[in-house]
Amino acid sequence: MGLIGPLIGFSIFKFIKYNNFTLKEMYQWMTMNHNLITAWISVSLFANALLFTLFVNARIDKTAKGIFWVTVVYASVALGIKFFG
């Protein structure tokens, strides 16, 4: 579940902000602009935060724990790209 949330977040980000780009064009644009990558990861983290909240409230703790750890990995990557990339 923690891997599906970022894909949904990416899809929302692409269709709202970059609807005119193909996936290939967006990938090329993202590799040239690191701020876009961190914005995409931030939207993905928000999607995971929503999933995490739903699973915690439903008391599905093992899945919520997995979503949390995937979110930590995504956040670490975002910070690494932002500060070192």
PDB file of N, CA and C in Angstrom:
ATOM      1  N   MET A   1       0.819  -1.197   0.000  1.00  0.00           N
ATOM      2  CA  MET A   1       0.000   0.000   0.000  1.00  0.00           C
ATOM      3  C   MET A   1       0.862   1.260   0.000  1.00  0.00           C
ATOM      4  N   GLY A   2       1.982   1.196   0.689  1.00  0.00           N
ATOM      5  CA  GLY A   2       2.859   2.356   0.759  1.00  0.00           C
ATOM      6  C   GLY A   2       3.487   2.708  -0.576  1.00  0.00           C
ATOM      7  N   LEU A   3       3.529   1.756  -1.496  1.00  0.00           N
ATOM      8  CA  LEU A   3       4.071   2.020  -2.825  1.00  0.00           C
ATOM      9  C   LEU A   3       2.992   2.500  -3.797  1.00  0.00           C
ATOM     10  N   ILE A   4       1.740   2.191  -3.504  1.00  0.00           N
ATOM     11  CA  ILE A   4       0.638   2.601  -4.367  1.00  0.00           C
ATOM     12  C   ILE A   4       0.306   4.086  -4.156  1.00  0.00           C
ATOM     13  N   GLY A   5       0.392   4.554  -2.922  1.00  0.00           N
ATOM     14  CA  GLY A   5       0.104   5.950  -2.603  1.00  0.00           C
ATOM     15  C   GLY A   5       0.938   6.935  -3.411  1.00  0.00           C
ATOM     16  N   PRO A   6       2.259   6.735  -3.477  1.00  0.00           N
ATOM     17  CA  PRO A   6       3.067   7.652  -4.286  1.00  0.00           C
ATOM     18  C   PRO A   6       2.709   7.627  -5.769  1.00  0.00           C
ATOM     19  N   LEU A   7       2.325   6.468  -6.287  1.00  0.00           N
ATOM     20  CA  LEU A   7       1.905   6.411  -7.690  1.00  0.00           C
ATOM     21  C   LEU A   7       0.632   7.221  -7.923  1.00  0.00           C
ATOM     22  N   ILE A   8      -0.290   7.129  -6.983  1.00  0.00           N
ATOM     23  CA  ILE A   8      -1.514   7.926  -7.077  1.00  0.00           C
ATOM     24  C   ILE A   8      -1.171   9.409  -6.954  1.00  0.00           C
ATOM     25  N   GLY A   9      -0.289   9.734  -6.001  1.00  0.00           N
ATOM     26  CA  GLY A   9       0.139  11.123  -5.837  1.00  0.00           C
ATOM     27  C   GLY A   9       0.822  11.661  -7.076  1.00  0.00           C
ATOM     28  N   PHE A  10       1.671  10.837  -7.701  1.00  0.00           N
ATOM     29  CA  PHE A  10       2.343  11.244  -8.929  1.00  0.00           C
ATOM     30  C   PHE A  10       1.335  11.475 -10.044  1.00  0.00           C
ATOM     31  N   SER A  11       0.360  10.599 -10.161  1.00  0.00           N
ATOM     32  CA  SER A  11      -0.656  10.749 -11.207  1.00  0.00           C
ATOM     33  C   SER A  11      -1.444  12.037 -11.021  1.00  0.00           C
ATOM     34  N   ILE A  12      -1.820  12.325  -9.796  1.00  0.00           N
ATOM     35  CA  ILE A  12      -2.548  13.559  -9.517  1.00  0.00           C
ATOM     36  C   ILE A  12      -1.679  14.767  -9.848  1.00  0.00           C
ATOM     37  N   PHE A  13      -0.418  14.723  -9.435  1.00  0.00           N
ATOM     38  CA  PHE A  13       0.523  15.814  -9.696  1.00  0.00           C
ATOM     39  C   PHE A  13       0.684  16.046 -11.197  1.00  0.00           C
ATOM     40  N   LYS A  14       0.837  14.959 -11.940  1.00  0.00           N
ATOM     41  CA  LYS A  14       1.042  15.073 -13.383  1.00  0.00           C
ATOM     42  C   LYS A  14      -0.185  15.643 -14.082  1.00  0.00           C
ATOM     43  N   PHE A  15      -1.365  15.141 -13.734  1.00  0.00           N
ATOM     44  CA  PHE A  15      -2.570  15.569 -14.435  1.00  0.00           C
ATOM     45  C   PHE A  15      -3.031  16.969 -14.042  1.00  0.00           C
ATOM     46  N   ILE A  16      -2.699  17.415 -12.850  1.00  0.00           N
ATOM     47  CA  ILE A  16      -3.092  18.765 -12.445  1.00  0.00           C
ATOM     48  C   ILE A  16      -2.085  19.800 -12.939  1.00  0.00           C
ATOM     49  N   LYS A  17      -0.807  19.534 -12.707  1.00  0.00           N
ATOM     50  CA  LYS A  17       0.201  20.551 -12.992  1.00  0.00           C
ATOM     51  C   LYS A  17       0.803  20.432 -14.391  1.00  0.00           C
ATOM     52  N   TYR A  18       1.007  19.222 -14.898  1.00  0.00           N
ATOM     53  CA  TYR A  18       1.691  19.014 -16.180  1.00  0.00           C
ATOM     54  C   TYR A  18       0.863  18.139 -17.108  1.00  0.00           C
ATOM     55  N   ASN A  19      -0.368  18.514 -17.333  1.00  0.00           N
ATOM     56  CA  ASN A  19      -1.274  17.727 -18.152  1.00  0.00           C
ATOM     57  C   ASN A  19      -0.841  17.688 -19.620  1.00  0.00           C
ATOM     58  N   ASN A  20      -0.159  18.737 -20.103  1.00  0.00           N
ATOM     59  CA  ASN A  20       0.223  18.800 -21.510  1.00  0.00           C
ATOM     60  C   ASN A  20       1.457  17.961 -21.839  1.00  0.00           C
ATOM     61  N   PHE A  21       2.197  17.517 -20.837  1.00  0.00           N
ATOM     62  CA  PHE A  21       3.403  16.737 -21.044  1.00  0.00           C
ATOM     63  C   PHE A  21       3.074  15.247 -21.137  1.00  0.00           C
ATOM     64  N   THR A  22       3.842  14.534 -21.963  1.00  0.00           N
ATOM     65  CA  THR A  22       3.777  13.078 -21.917  1.00  0.00           C
ATOM     66  C   THR A  22       4.639  12.629 -20.738  1.00  0.00           C
ATOM     67  N   LEU A  23       4.561  11.359 -20.380  1.00  0.00           N
ATOM     68  CA  LEU A  23       5.391  10.861 -19.277  1.00  0.00           C
ATOM     69  C   LEU A  23       6.877  10.996 -19.593  1.00  0.00           C
ATOM     70  N   LYS A  24       7.240  10.750 -20.850  1.00  0.00           N
ATOM     71  CA  LYS A  24       8.638  10.865 -21.254  1.00  0.00           C
ATOM     72  C   LYS A  24       9.118  12.313 -21.138  1.00  0.00           C
ATOM     73  N   GLU A  25       8.309  13.258 -21.605  1.00  0.00           N
ATOM     74  CA  GLU A  25       8.676  14.669 -21.520  1.00  0.00           C
ATOM     75  C   GLU A  25       8.766  15.125 -20.063  1.00  0.00           C
ATOM     76  N   MET A  26       7.854  14.635 -19.253  1.00  0.00           N
ATOM     77  CA  MET A  26       7.883  15.005 -17.836  1.00  0.00           C
ATOM     78  C   MET A  26       9.130  14.446 -17.160  1.00  0.00           C
ATOM     79  N   TYR A  27       9.498  13.216 -17.477  1.00  0.00           N
ATOM     80  CA  TYR A  27      10.717  12.623 -16.921  1.00  0.00           C
ATOM     81  C   TYR A  27      11.940  13.450 -17.322  1.00  0.00           C
ATOM     82  N   GLN A  28      12.011  13.850 -18.586  1.00  0.00           N
ATOM     83  CA  GLN A  28      13.134  14.672 -19.044  1.00  0.00           C
ATOM     84  C   GLN A  28      13.155  16.011 -18.319  1.00  0.00           C
ATOM     85  N   TRP A  29      11.996  16.611 -18.133  1.00  0.00           N
ATOM     86  CA  TRP A  29      11.907  17.884 -17.438  1.00  0.00           C
ATOM     87  C   TRP A  29      12.314  17.723 -15.968  1.00  0.00           C
ATOM     88  N   MET A  30      11.905  16.613 -15.350  1.00  0.00           N
ATOM     89  CA  MET A  30      12.243  16.372 -13.949  1.00  0.00           C
ATOM     90  C   MET A  30      13.735  16.157 -13.760  1.00  0.00           C
ATOM     91  N   THR A  31      14.400  15.520 -14.721  1.00  0.00           N
ATOM     92  CA  THR A  31      15.840  15.291 -14.571  1.00  0.00           C
ATOM     93  C   THR A  31      16.626  16.584 -14.711  1.00  0.00           C
ATOM     94  N   MET A  32      16.055  17.572 -15.395  1.00  0.00           N
ATOM     95  CA  MET A  32      16.722  18.866 -15.528  1.00  0.00           C
ATOM     96  C   MET A  32      16.422  19.793 -14.353  1.00  0.00           C
ATOM     97  N   ASN A  33      15.329  19.571 -13.667  1.00  0.00           N
ATOM     98  CA  ASN A  33      14.889  20.465 -12.604  1.00  0.00           C
ATOM     99  C   ASN A  33      14.668  19.657 -11.320  1.00  0.00           C
ATOM    100  N   HIS A  34      15.632  19.711 -10.413  1.00  0.00           N
ATOM    101  CA  HIS A  34      15.545  18.918  -9.182  1.00  0.00           C
ATOM    102  C   HIS A  34      14.431  19.392  -8.256  1.00  0.00           C
ATOM    103  N   ASN A  35      14.039  20.666  -8.338  1.00  0.00           N
ATOM    104  CA  ASN A  35      12.939  21.144  -7.502  1.00  0.00           C
ATOM    105  C   ASN A  35      11.630  20.460  -7.872  1.00  0.00           C
ATOM    106  N   LEU A  36      11.482  20.107  -9.143  1.00  0.00           N
ATOM    107  CA  LEU A  36      10.284  19.394  -9.574  1.00  0.00           C
ATOM    108  C   LEU A  36      10.246  17.988  -8.979  1.00  0.00           C
ATOM    109  N   ILE A  37      11.405  17.355  -8.892  1.00  0.00           N
ATOM    110  CA  ILE A  37      11.462  16.018  -8.299  1.00  0.00           C
ATOM    111  C   ILE A  37      11.053  16.074  -6.834  1.00  0.00           C
ATOM    112  N   THR A  38      11.560  17.059  -6.102  1.00  0.00           N
ATOM    113  CA  THR A  38      11.201  17.149  -4.686  1.00  0.00           C
ATOM    114  C   THR A  38       9.727  17.521  -4.516  1.00  0.00           C
ATOM    115  N   ALA A  39       9.168  18.317  -5.432  1.00  0.00           N
ATOM    116  CA  ALA A  39       7.731  18.626  -5.365  1.00  0.00           C
ATOM    117  C   ALA A  39       6.911  17.365  -5.598  1.00  0.00           C
ATOM    118  N   TRP A  40       7.329  16.550  -6.568  1.00  0.00           N
ATOM    119  CA  TRP A  40       6.620  15.297  -6.843  1.00  0.00           C
ATOM    120  C   TRP A  40       6.698  14.358  -5.638  1.00  0.00           C
ATOM    121  N   ILE A  41       7.859  14.253  -5.034  1.00  0.00           N
ATOM    122  CA  ILE A  41       8.002  13.377  -3.870  1.00  0.00           C
ATOM    123  C   ILE A  41       7.171  13.909  -2.710  1.00  0.00           C
ATOM    124  N   SER A  42       7.084  15.222  -2.555  1.00  0.00           N
ATOM    125  CA  SER A  42       6.276  15.798  -1.482  1.00  0.00           C
ATOM    126  C   SER A  42       4.794  15.466  -1.660  1.00  0.00           C
ATOM    127  N   VAL A  43       4.302  15.543  -2.886  1.00  0.00           N
ATOM    128  CA  VAL A  43       2.908  15.161  -3.153  1.00  0.00           C
ATOM    129  C   VAL A  43       2.715  13.674  -2.856  1.00  0.00           C
ATOM    130  N   SER A  44       3.700  12.872  -3.208  1.00  0.00           N
ATOM    131  CA  SER A  44       3.628  11.439  -2.932  1.00  0.00           C
ATOM    132  C   SER A  44       3.600  11.176  -1.436  1.00  0.00           C
ATOM    133  N   LEU A  45       4.376  11.940  -0.672  1.00  0.00           N
ATOM    134  CA  LEU A  45       4.374  11.796   0.780  1.00  0.00           C
ATOM    135  C   LEU A  45       3.015  12.171   1.360  1.00  0.00           C
ATOM    136  N   PHE A  46       2.390  13.185   0.792  1.00  0.00           N
ATOM    137  CA  PHE A  46       1.059  13.567   1.253  1.00  0.00           C
ATOM    138  C   PHE A  46       0.059  12.438   1.004  1.00  0.00           C
ATOM    139  N   ALA A  47       0.142  11.806  -0.158  1.00  0.00           N
ATOM    140  CA  ALA A  47      -0.745  10.676  -0.457  1.00  0.00           C
ATOM    141  C   ALA A  47      -0.517   9.540   0.542  1.00  0.00           C
ATOM    142  N   ASN A  48       0.745   9.289   0.881  1.00  0.00           N
ATOM    143  CA  ASN A  48       1.044   8.251   1.868  1.00  0.00           C
ATOM    144  C   ASN A  48       0.545   8.646   3.256  1.00  0.00           C
ATOM    145  N   ALA A  49       0.616   9.921   3.587  1.00  0.00           N
ATOM    146  CA  ALA A  49       0.116  10.377   4.884  1.00  0.00           C
ATOM    147  C   ALA A  49      -1.385  10.136   4.995  1.00  0.00           C
ATOM    148  N   LEU A  50      -2.106  10.358   3.899  1.00  0.00           N
ATOM    149  CA  LEU A  50      -3.543  10.077   3.904  1.00  0.00           C
ATOM    150  C   LEU A  50      -3.814   8.583   4.100  1.00  0.00           C
ATOM    151  N   LEU A  51      -3.073   7.748   3.369  1.00  0.00           N
ATOM    152  CA  LEU A  51      -3.239   6.297   3.529  1.00  0.00           C
ATOM    153  C   LEU A  51      -2.890   5.862   4.950  1.00  0.00           C
ATOM    154  N   PHE A  52      -1.794   6.399   5.480  1.00  0.00           N
ATOM    155  CA  PHE A  52      -1.368   6.062   6.834  1.00  0.00           C
ATOM    156  C   PHE A  52      -2.466   6.401   7.844  1.00  0.00           C
ATOM    157  N   THR A  53      -3.056   7.579   7.704  1.00  0.00           N
ATOM    158  CA  THR A  53      -4.128   7.998   8.612  1.00  0.00           C
ATOM    159  C   THR A  53      -5.329   7.071   8.520  1.00  0.00           C
ATOM    160  N   LEU A  54      -5.696   6.696   7.299  1.00  0.00           N
ATOM    161  CA  LEU A  54      -6.829   5.778   7.127  1.00  0.00           C
ATOM    162  C   LEU A  54      -6.571   4.432   7.798  1.00  0.00           C
ATOM    163  N   PHE A  55      -5.362   3.895   7.622  1.00  0.00           N
ATOM    164  CA  PHE A  55      -5.069   2.583   8.190  1.00  0.00           C
ATOM    165  C   PHE A  55      -4.896   2.637   9.705  1.00  0.00           C
ATOM    166  N   VAL A  56      -4.381   3.721  10.244  1.00  0.00           N
ATOM    167  CA  VAL A  56      -4.282   3.853  11.704  1.00  0.00           C
ATOM    168  C   VAL A  56      -5.676   3.945  12.307  1.00  0.00           C
ATOM    169  N   ASN A  57      -6.536   4.751  11.698  1.00  0.00           N
ATOM    170  CA  ASN A  57      -7.907   4.886  12.214  1.00  0.00           C
ATOM    171  C   ASN A  57      -8.694   3.585  12.103  1.00  0.00           C
ATOM    172  N   ALA A  58      -8.373   2.765  11.108  1.00  0.00           N
ATOM    173  CA  ALA A  58      -9.047   1.475  10.943  1.00  0.00           C
ATOM    174  C   ALA A  58      -8.398   0.393  11.811  1.00  0.00           C
ATOM    175  N   ARG A  59      -7.342   0.771  12.528  1.00  0.00           N
ATOM    176  CA  ARG A  59      -6.593  -0.140  13.418  1.00  0.00           C
ATOM    177  C   ARG A  59      -5.963  -1.310  12.660  1.00  0.00           C
ATOM    178  N   ILE A  60      -5.512  -1.036  11.462  1.00  0.00           N
ATOM    179  CA  ILE A  60      -4.759  -2.017  10.677  1.00  0.00           C
ATOM    180  C   ILE A  60      -3.289  -1.623  10.831  1.00  0.00           C
ATOM    181  N   ASP A  61      -2.727  -2.001  11.982  1.00  0.00           N
ATOM    182  CA  ASP A  61      -1.444  -1.459  12.409  1.00  0.00           C
ATOM    183  C   ASP A  61      -0.255  -1.944  11.594  1.00  0.00           C
ATOM    184  N   LYS A  62      -0.241  -3.195  11.177  1.00  0.00           N
ATOM    185  CA  LYS A  62       0.912  -3.691  10.415  1.00  0.00           C
ATOM    186  C   LYS A  62       1.029  -2.989   9.069  1.00  0.00           C
ATOM    187  N   THR A  63      -0.084  -2.781   8.405  1.00  0.00           N
ATOM    188  CA  THR A  63      -0.060  -2.069   7.130  1.00  0.00           C
ATOM    189  C   THR A  63       0.320  -0.608   7.339  1.00  0.00           C
ATOM    190  N   ALA A  64      -0.207   0.005   8.390  1.00  0.00           N
ATOM    191  CA  ALA A  64       0.129   1.394   8.697  1.00  0.00           C
ATOM    192  C   ALA A  64       1.629   1.529   8.987  1.00  0.00           C
ATOM    193  N   LYS A  65       2.187   0.556   9.662  1.00  0.00           N
ATOM    194  CA  LYS A  65       3.622   0.570   9.955  1.00  0.00           C
ATOM    195  C   LYS A  65       4.442   0.483   8.663  1.00  0.00           C
ATOM    196  N   GLY A  66       4.023  -0.345   7.737  1.00  0.00           N
ATOM    197  CA  GLY A  66       4.702  -0.459   6.442  1.00  0.00           C
ATOM    198  C   GLY A  66       4.612   0.834   5.652  1.00  0.00           C
ATOM    199  N   ILE A  67       3.435   1.450   5.660  1.00  0.00           N
ATOM    200  CA  ILE A  67       3.263   2.724   4.961  1.00  0.00           C
ATOM    201  C   ILE A  67       4.166   3.782   5.583  1.00  0.00           C
ATOM    202  N   PHE A  68       4.261   3.781   6.908  1.00  0.00           N
ATOM    203  CA  PHE A  68       5.128   4.736   7.588  1.00  0.00           C
ATOM    204  C   PHE A  68       6.577   4.578   7.140  1.00  0.00           C
ATOM    205  N   TRP A  69       7.078   3.343   7.089  1.00  0.00           N
ATOM    206  CA  TRP A  69       8.484   3.134   6.718  1.00  0.00           C
ATOM    207  C   TRP A  69       8.757   3.480   5.250  1.00  0.00           C
ATOM    208  N   VAL A  70       7.816   3.205   4.380  1.00  0.00           N
ATOM    209  CA  VAL A  70       7.982   3.612   2.983  1.00  0.00           C
ATOM    210  C   VAL A  70       8.011   5.136   2.889  1.00  0.00           C
ATOM    211  N   THR A  71       7.180   5.793   3.690  1.00  0.00           N
ATOM    212  CA  THR A  71       7.162   7.251   3.717  1.00  0.00           C
ATOM    213  C   THR A  71       8.487   7.811   4.218  1.00  0.00           C
ATOM    214  N   VAL A  72       9.077   7.172   5.216  1.00  0.00           N
ATOM    215  CA  VAL A  72      10.386   7.602   5.724  1.00  0.00           C
ATOM    216  C   VAL A  72      11.449   7.479   4.633  1.00  0.00           C
ATOM    217  N   VAL A  73      11.408   6.408   3.866  1.00  0.00           N
ATOM    218  CA  VAL A  73      12.373   6.224   2.770  1.00  0.00           C
ATOM    219  C   VAL A  73      12.176   7.313   1.718  1.00  0.00           C
ATOM    220  N   TYR A  74      10.923   7.567   1.329  1.00  0.00           N
ATOM    221  CA  TYR A  74      10.650   8.622   0.350  1.00  0.00           C
ATOM    222  C   TYR A  74      11.135   9.981   0.851  1.00  0.00           C
ATOM    223  N   ALA A  75      10.868  10.280   2.122  1.00  0.00           N
ATOM    224  CA  ALA A  75      11.293  11.569   2.681  1.00  0.00           C
ATOM    225  C   ALA A  75      12.811  11.673   2.690  1.00  0.00           C
ATOM    226  N   SER A  76      13.498  10.592   3.001  1.00  0.00           N
ATOM    227  CA  SER A  76      14.966  10.599   2.993  1.00  0.00           C
ATOM    228  C   SER A  76      15.508  10.857   1.585  1.00  0.00           C
ATOM    229  N   VAL A  77      14.879  10.233   0.602  1.00  0.00           N
ATOM    230  CA  VAL A  77      15.296  10.462  -0.789  1.00  0.00           C
ATOM    231  C   VAL A  77      15.055  11.915  -1.195  1.00  0.00           C
ATOM    232  N   ALA A  78      13.894  12.453  -0.812  1.00  0.00           N
ATOM    233  CA  ALA A  78      13.570  13.840  -1.145  1.00  0.00           C
ATOM    234  C   ALA A  78      14.577  14.804  -0.519  1.00  0.00           C
ATOM    235  N   LEU A  79      14.911  14.577   0.734  1.00  0.00           N
ATOM    236  CA  LEU A  79      15.891  15.437   1.399  1.00  0.00           C
ATOM    237  C   LEU A  79      17.270  15.286   0.780  1.00  0.00           C
ATOM    238  N   GLY A  80      17.637  14.064   0.429  1.00  0.00           N
ATOM    239  CA  GLY A  80      18.935  13.838  -0.229  1.00  0.00           C
ATOM    240  C   GLY A  80      19.029  14.557  -1.560  1.00  0.00           C
ATOM    241  N   ILE A  81      17.974  14.484  -2.349  1.00  0.00           N
ATOM    242  CA  ILE A  81      17.971  15.164  -3.650  1.00  0.00           C
ATOM    243  C   ILE A  81      17.993  16.682  -3.453  1.00  0.00           C
ATOM    244  N   LYS A  82      17.213  17.150  -2.497  1.00  0.00           N
ATOM    245  CA  LYS A  82      17.108  18.593  -2.275  1.00  0.00           C
ATOM    246  C   LYS A  82      18.432  19.190  -1.821  1.00  0.00           C
ATOM    247  N   PHE A  83      19.140  18.509  -0.907  1.00  0.00           N
ATOM    248  CA  PHE A  83      20.343  19.086  -0.338  1.00  0.00           C
ATOM    249  C   PHE A  83      21.639  18.650  -1.001  1.00  0.00           C
ATOM    250  N   PHE A  84      21.629  17.472  -1.631  1.00  0.00           N
ATOM    251  CA  PHE A  84      22.869  16.965  -2.219  1.00  0.00           C
ATOM    252  C   PHE A  84      22.799  16.798  -3.738  1.00  0.00           C
ATOM    253  N   GLY A  85      21.616  16.913  -4.328  1.00  0.00           N
ATOM    254  CA  GLY A  85      21.444  16.662  -5.753  1.00  0.00           C
ATOM    255  C   GLY A  85      21.495  17.838  -6.573  1.00  0.00           C
TER     256      GLY A  85
END
